[in-house]
Amino acid sequence: MNNLYRLLLIAFVISSISTNAQKKINLFNEKDLTGWYAFEPKTGKHENASEVFSVEDNMIRLYGKDAGYLMSLENFENFQLTAEFRWNTDTSFVRKSDNRNSGLMYLVPVETADELWPKGIQFQIKENASGDFILLQNVTLNVKGKKTIAGKSVESKFFKNAEKPVGEWNKIKITVKNGVVKQKLNGNLVNKGTESSVKNGRILLQYEGFPIDFRRVIIKKCK
């Protein structure tokens, strides 16, 4: 291998690494809640999200007496989002409810007001229902060739139950590209829709009353 070829090869590898690094965004830095704000109805918006929720052992820990959420400051269009969650069964954590119910929302428009729950699409995280589409505030999709009804909160059931036993980590993968939305859970396709009525927006981690942990929240931008 001559020197010129070697230099060109090194330059190509460096360029490829740089490009891939630019496409990957760690929404959670595993240290604190930088890049997020918190909201709960009683106290409103908290620019300092740690006033409401916490980070411990490289996890986001959502718990407390009141429902609320974390909202990303960044807005995304055409992306792959991955995240891991598990139910926190430690009884020392304050909870609002004993029902295992939560969610990961995406495509929450920048202009939408803070409320429970704002406009967007929810990857339902709920015991025996994880993977459902929950379409909020008149968002619509075509699922299995049929357009969903516009409404305040419309459910489209998962294709299969792929959630792991309570206490184990589950991996979510959401792909949004040109109006096509796919939801995977632990490697299984659990829902798919086309012609999404929302095309870009923020990411939201829900706390509905039962303590839940999130980690490895990563966005990769799609071309």
Protein backbone atom coordinates (compact mmCIF):
# COMPACT_ATOMS: atom_id res chain seq x y z
CA MET A 1 0.00 0.00 0.00
CA ASN A 2 1.61 3.28 -1.07
CA ASN A 3 1.63 6.34 1.20
CA LEU A 4 -0.94 8.29 -0.82
CA TYR A 5 -3.46 5.43 -0.73
CA ARG A 6 -2.85 4.99 3.00
CA LEU A 7 -3.48 8.68 3.66
CA LEU A 8 -6.66 8.66 1.60
CA LEU A 9 -7.91 5.59 3.48
CA ILE A 10 -7.21 7.20 6.86
CA ALA A 11 -8.97 10.39 5.76
CA PHE A 12 -12.01 8.39 4.64
CA VAL A 13 -12.22 6.51 7.95
CA ILE A 14 -11.93 9.73 9.98
CA SER A 15 -14.58 11.37 7.83
CA SER A 16 -16.93 8.40 8.28
CA ILE A 17 -16.47 8.39 12.05
CA SER A 18 -17.08 12.14 12.21
CA THR A 19 -20.24 11.88 10.10
CA ASN A 20 -21.66 9.05 12.20
CA ALA A 21 -20.86 10.94 15.40
CA GLN A 22 -22.72 13.98 14.13
CA LYS A 23 -25.81 11.90 13.37
CA LYS A 24 -25.95 10.38 16.87
CA ILE A 25 -27.29 12.55 19.70
CA ASN A 26 -27.35 11.41 23.31
CA LEU A 27 -30.45 13.08 24.68
CA PHE A 28 -29.52 11.91 28.18
CA ASN A 29 -25.92 12.48 29.26
CA GLU A 30 -26.22 9.96 32.16
CA LYS A 31 -25.17 12.66 34.67
CA ASP A 32 -28.00 15.18 34.92
CA LEU A 33 -31.10 16.46 33.13
CA THR A 34 -29.37 18.97 30.87
CA GLY A 35 -31.36 19.32 27.65
CA TRP A 36 -34.73 18.69 29.30
CA TYR A 37 -37.33 20.63 31.23
CA ALA A 38 -39.96 19.19 33.57
CA PHE A 39 -43.67 19.86 33.81
CA GLU A 40 -46.37 19.02 36.31
CA PRO A 41 -49.80 20.69 36.44
CA LYS A 42 -49.61 22.01 40.01
CA THR A 43 -46.26 23.79 39.71
CA GLY A 44 -46.03 24.28 35.93
CA LYS A 45 -42.85 24.29 33.87
CA HIS A 46 -39.48 23.75 35.56
CA GLU A 47 -36.50 24.85 33.50
CA ASN A 48 -34.41 23.06 36.12
CA ALA A 49 -35.84 19.58 35.62
CA SER A 50 -34.05 18.22 38.71
CA GLU A 51 -36.58 20.11 40.84
CA VAL A 52 -39.09 17.43 39.85
CA PHE A 53 -37.20 14.30 38.75
CA SER A 54 -33.76 12.83 39.39
CA VAL A 55 -30.76 11.02 37.93
CA GLU A 56 -29.13 8.13 39.75
CA ASP A 57 -26.69 5.42 38.60
CA ASN A 58 -26.86 6.65 34.97
CA MET A 59 -30.68 6.43 34.97
CA ILE A 60 -33.49 8.95 34.76
CA ARG A 61 -35.81 8.19 37.67
CA LEU A 62 -39.41 9.33 37.39
CA TYR A 63 -41.51 9.11 40.56
CA GLY A 64 -43.51 11.25 42.97
CA LYS A 65 -46.98 12.23 44.17
CA ASP A 66 -47.98 14.03 40.96
CA ALA A 67 -48.05 13.03 37.30
CA GLY A 68 -45.76 14.95 34.97
CA TYR A 69 -43.10 14.65 32.33
CA LEU A 70 -39.68 15.51 30.98
CA MET A 71 -39.61 17.32 27.61
CA SER A 72 -36.57 17.59 25.37
CA LEU A 73 -35.49 21.08 24.39
CA GLU A 74 -34.56 19.91 20.90
CA ASN A 75 -36.94 19.33 18.03
CA PHE A 76 -36.50 16.45 15.54
CA GLU A 77 -37.68 15.36 12.12
CA ASN A 78 -36.87 12.03 10.39
CA PHE A 79 -35.05 10.13 13.11
CA GLN A 80 -34.48 6.86 14.91
CA LEU A 81 -35.03 7.06 18.65
CA THR A 82 -33.87 4.36 21.04
CA ALA A 83 -34.39 4.20 24.79
CA GLU A 84 -34.53 1.65 27.57
CA PHE A 85 -37.05 1.50 30.42
CA ARG A 86 -37.91 -0.64 33.40
CA TRP A 87 -40.51 -0.48 36.12
CA ASN A 88 -39.04 0.62 39.44
CA THR A 89 -40.57 -1.71 42.03
CA ASP A 90 -38.64 -0.33 45.02
CA THR A 91 -41.42 0.50 47.49
CA SER A 92 -39.35 3.30 49.06
CA PHE A 93 -39.99 5.47 45.97
CA VAL A 94 -43.01 7.76 46.29
CA ARG A 95 -45.75 6.89 43.81
CA LYS A 96 -49.10 8.29 42.79
CA SER A 97 -50.56 5.01 41.57
CA ASP A 98 -50.04 1.25 41.67
CA ASN A 99 -50.98 0.89 37.99
CA ARG A 100 -47.94 0.30 35.78
CA ASN A 101 -48.64 2.94 33.16
CA SER A 102 -46.31 5.41 31.45
CA GLY A 103 -45.18 6.33 27.96
CA LEU A 104 -42.59 7.81 25.66
CA MET A 105 -43.98 10.54 23.42
CA TYR A 106 -42.46 11.92 20.24
CA LEU A 107 -43.33 14.41 17.51
CA VAL A 108 -44.61 16.83 20.15
CA PRO A 109 -44.81 20.13 18.20
CA VAL A 110 -42.84 23.08 19.55
CA GLU A 111 -45.93 25.30 19.52
CA THR A 112 -48.09 22.92 21.57
CA ALA A 113 -48.90 24.00 25.13
CA ASP A 114 -47.74 22.08 28.20
CA GLU A 115 -50.53 19.90 29.59
CA LEU A 116 -51.29 16.29 30.48
CA TRP A 117 -51.00 15.16 27.74
CA PRO A 118 -49.88 17.39 24.84
CA LYS A 119 -50.23 16.83 21.10
CA GLY A 120 -48.07 14.06 19.65
CA ILE A 121 -47.68 10.30 19.38
CA GLN A 122 -47.17 8.14 22.45
CA PHE A 123 -45.41 4.80 22.54
CA GLN A 124 -47.60 3.33 25.23
CA ILE A 125 -45.67 1.80 28.13
CA LYS A 126 -48.26 -0.07 30.14
CA GLU A 127 -48.40 -3.54 31.60
CA ASN A 128 -49.83 -5.83 28.89
CA ALA A 129 -50.19 -2.93 26.45
CA SER A 130 -46.66 -1.68 25.77
CA GLY A 131 -46.34 -0.78 22.11
CA ASP A 132 -49.80 0.64 21.53
CA PHE A 133 -50.04 3.89 19.61
CA ILE A 134 -51.76 6.59 21.66
CA LEU A 135 -52.55 9.48 19.30
CA LEU A 136 -53.12 12.66 21.25
CA GLN A 137 -54.87 15.95 20.46
CA ASN A 138 -56.17 15.03 16.98
CA VAL A 139 -53.01 13.41 15.61
CA THR A 140 -53.82 10.78 12.97
CA LEU A 141 -52.05 7.87 11.26
CA ASN A 142 -52.96 5.26 8.70
CA VAL A 143 -52.71 1.88 10.42
CA LYS A 144 -53.24 -1.29 8.38
CA GLY A 145 -54.58 0.82 5.52
CA LYS A 146 -57.16 2.69 7.59
CA LYS A 147 -56.93 6.26 8.87
CA THR A 148 -57.39 6.59 12.62
CA ILE A 149 -60.12 8.80 14.01
CA ALA A 150 -58.99 12.24 15.18
CA GLY A 151 -59.62 12.72 18.89
CA LYS A 152 -58.20 13.81 22.23
CA SER A 153 -56.71 10.37 22.95
CA VAL A 154 -57.04 7.57 20.38
CA GLU A 155 -55.59 4.10 20.91
CA SER A 156 -54.31 1.77 18.19
CA LYS A 157 -53.41 -1.61 19.67
CA PHE A 158 -50.00 -3.25 19.40
CA PHE A 159 -49.41 -6.13 16.99
CA LYS A 160 -47.96 -8.36 19.72
CA ASN A 161 -46.98 -8.28 23.40
CA ALA A 162 -43.19 -8.06 23.58
CA GLU A 163 -42.59 -6.58 27.04
CA LYS A 164 -40.16 -8.33 29.39
CA PRO A 165 -41.07 -9.31 32.96
CA VAL A 166 -41.47 -6.49 35.48
CA GLY A 167 -38.10 -5.23 36.72
CA GLU A 168 -36.15 -6.13 33.55
CA TRP A 169 -34.89 -3.56 31.05
CA ASN A 170 -36.84 -3.17 27.80
CA LYS A 171 -35.53 -1.54 24.63
CA ILE A 172 -37.69 0.77 22.54
CA LYS A 173 -36.84 1.70 18.96
CA ILE A 174 -38.95 4.29 17.16
CA THR A 175 -38.32 5.22 13.53
CA VAL A 176 -39.92 8.26 11.92
CA LYS A 177 -39.22 8.91 8.26
CA ASN A 178 -41.26 10.88 5.76
CA GLY A 179 -44.53 10.27 7.61
CA VAL A 180 -43.91 6.55 8.22
CA VAL A 181 -43.74 5.60 11.91
CA LYS A 182 -42.51 2.26 13.25
CA GLN A 183 -42.43 1.15 16.87
CA LYS A 184 -40.29 -1.77 18.03
CA LEU A 185 -40.02 -3.30 21.49
CA ASN A 186 -37.17 -5.66 22.32
CA GLY A 187 -36.53 -6.22 18.62
CA ASN A 188 -40.17 -6.93 17.72
CA LEU A 189 -42.24 -4.71 15.44
CA VAL A 190 -45.21 -3.84 17.65
CA ASN A 191 -46.84 -1.06 15.62
CA LYS A 192 -46.57 0.77 12.32
CA GLY A 193 -48.37 3.70 10.74
CA THR A 194 -48.10 5.89 7.65
CA GLU A 195 -49.10 9.41 6.68
CA SER A 196 -48.54 10.86 10.15
CA SER A 197 -50.28 14.20 10.58
CA VAL A 198 -47.30 15.44 12.63
CA LYS A 199 -43.89 15.47 10.98
CA ASN A 200 -41.52 16.93 13.59
CA GLY A 201 -41.40 17.64 17.30
CA ARG A 202 -39.83 17.03 20.67
CA ILE A 203 -39.35 13.93 22.83
CA LEU A 204 -41.26 13.47 26.09
CA LEU A 205 -40.82 10.93 28.92
CA GLN A 206 -44.04 10.41 30.85
CA TYR A 207 -44.63 9.80 34.53
CA GLU A 208 -48.22 8.75 35.13
CA GLY A 209 -47.92 7.57 38.72
CA PHE A 210 -45.93 4.33 38.89
CA PRO A 211 -42.14 4.82 39.30
CA ILE A 212 -40.22 4.12 36.09
CA ASP A 213 -36.57 4.39 35.03
CA PHE A 214 -35.19 5.39 31.62
CA ARG A 215 -31.67 5.20 30.25
CA ARG A 216 -29.70 5.30 26.95
CA VAL A 217 -32.01 7.79 25.27
CA ILE A 218 -30.42 8.27 21.83
CA ILE A 219 -31.46 9.96 18.59
CA LYS A 220 -29.98 9.19 15.17
CA LYS A 221 -31.03 11.52 12.40
CA CYS A 222 -32.23 9.85 9.18
CA LYS A 223 -31.49 11.26 5.77
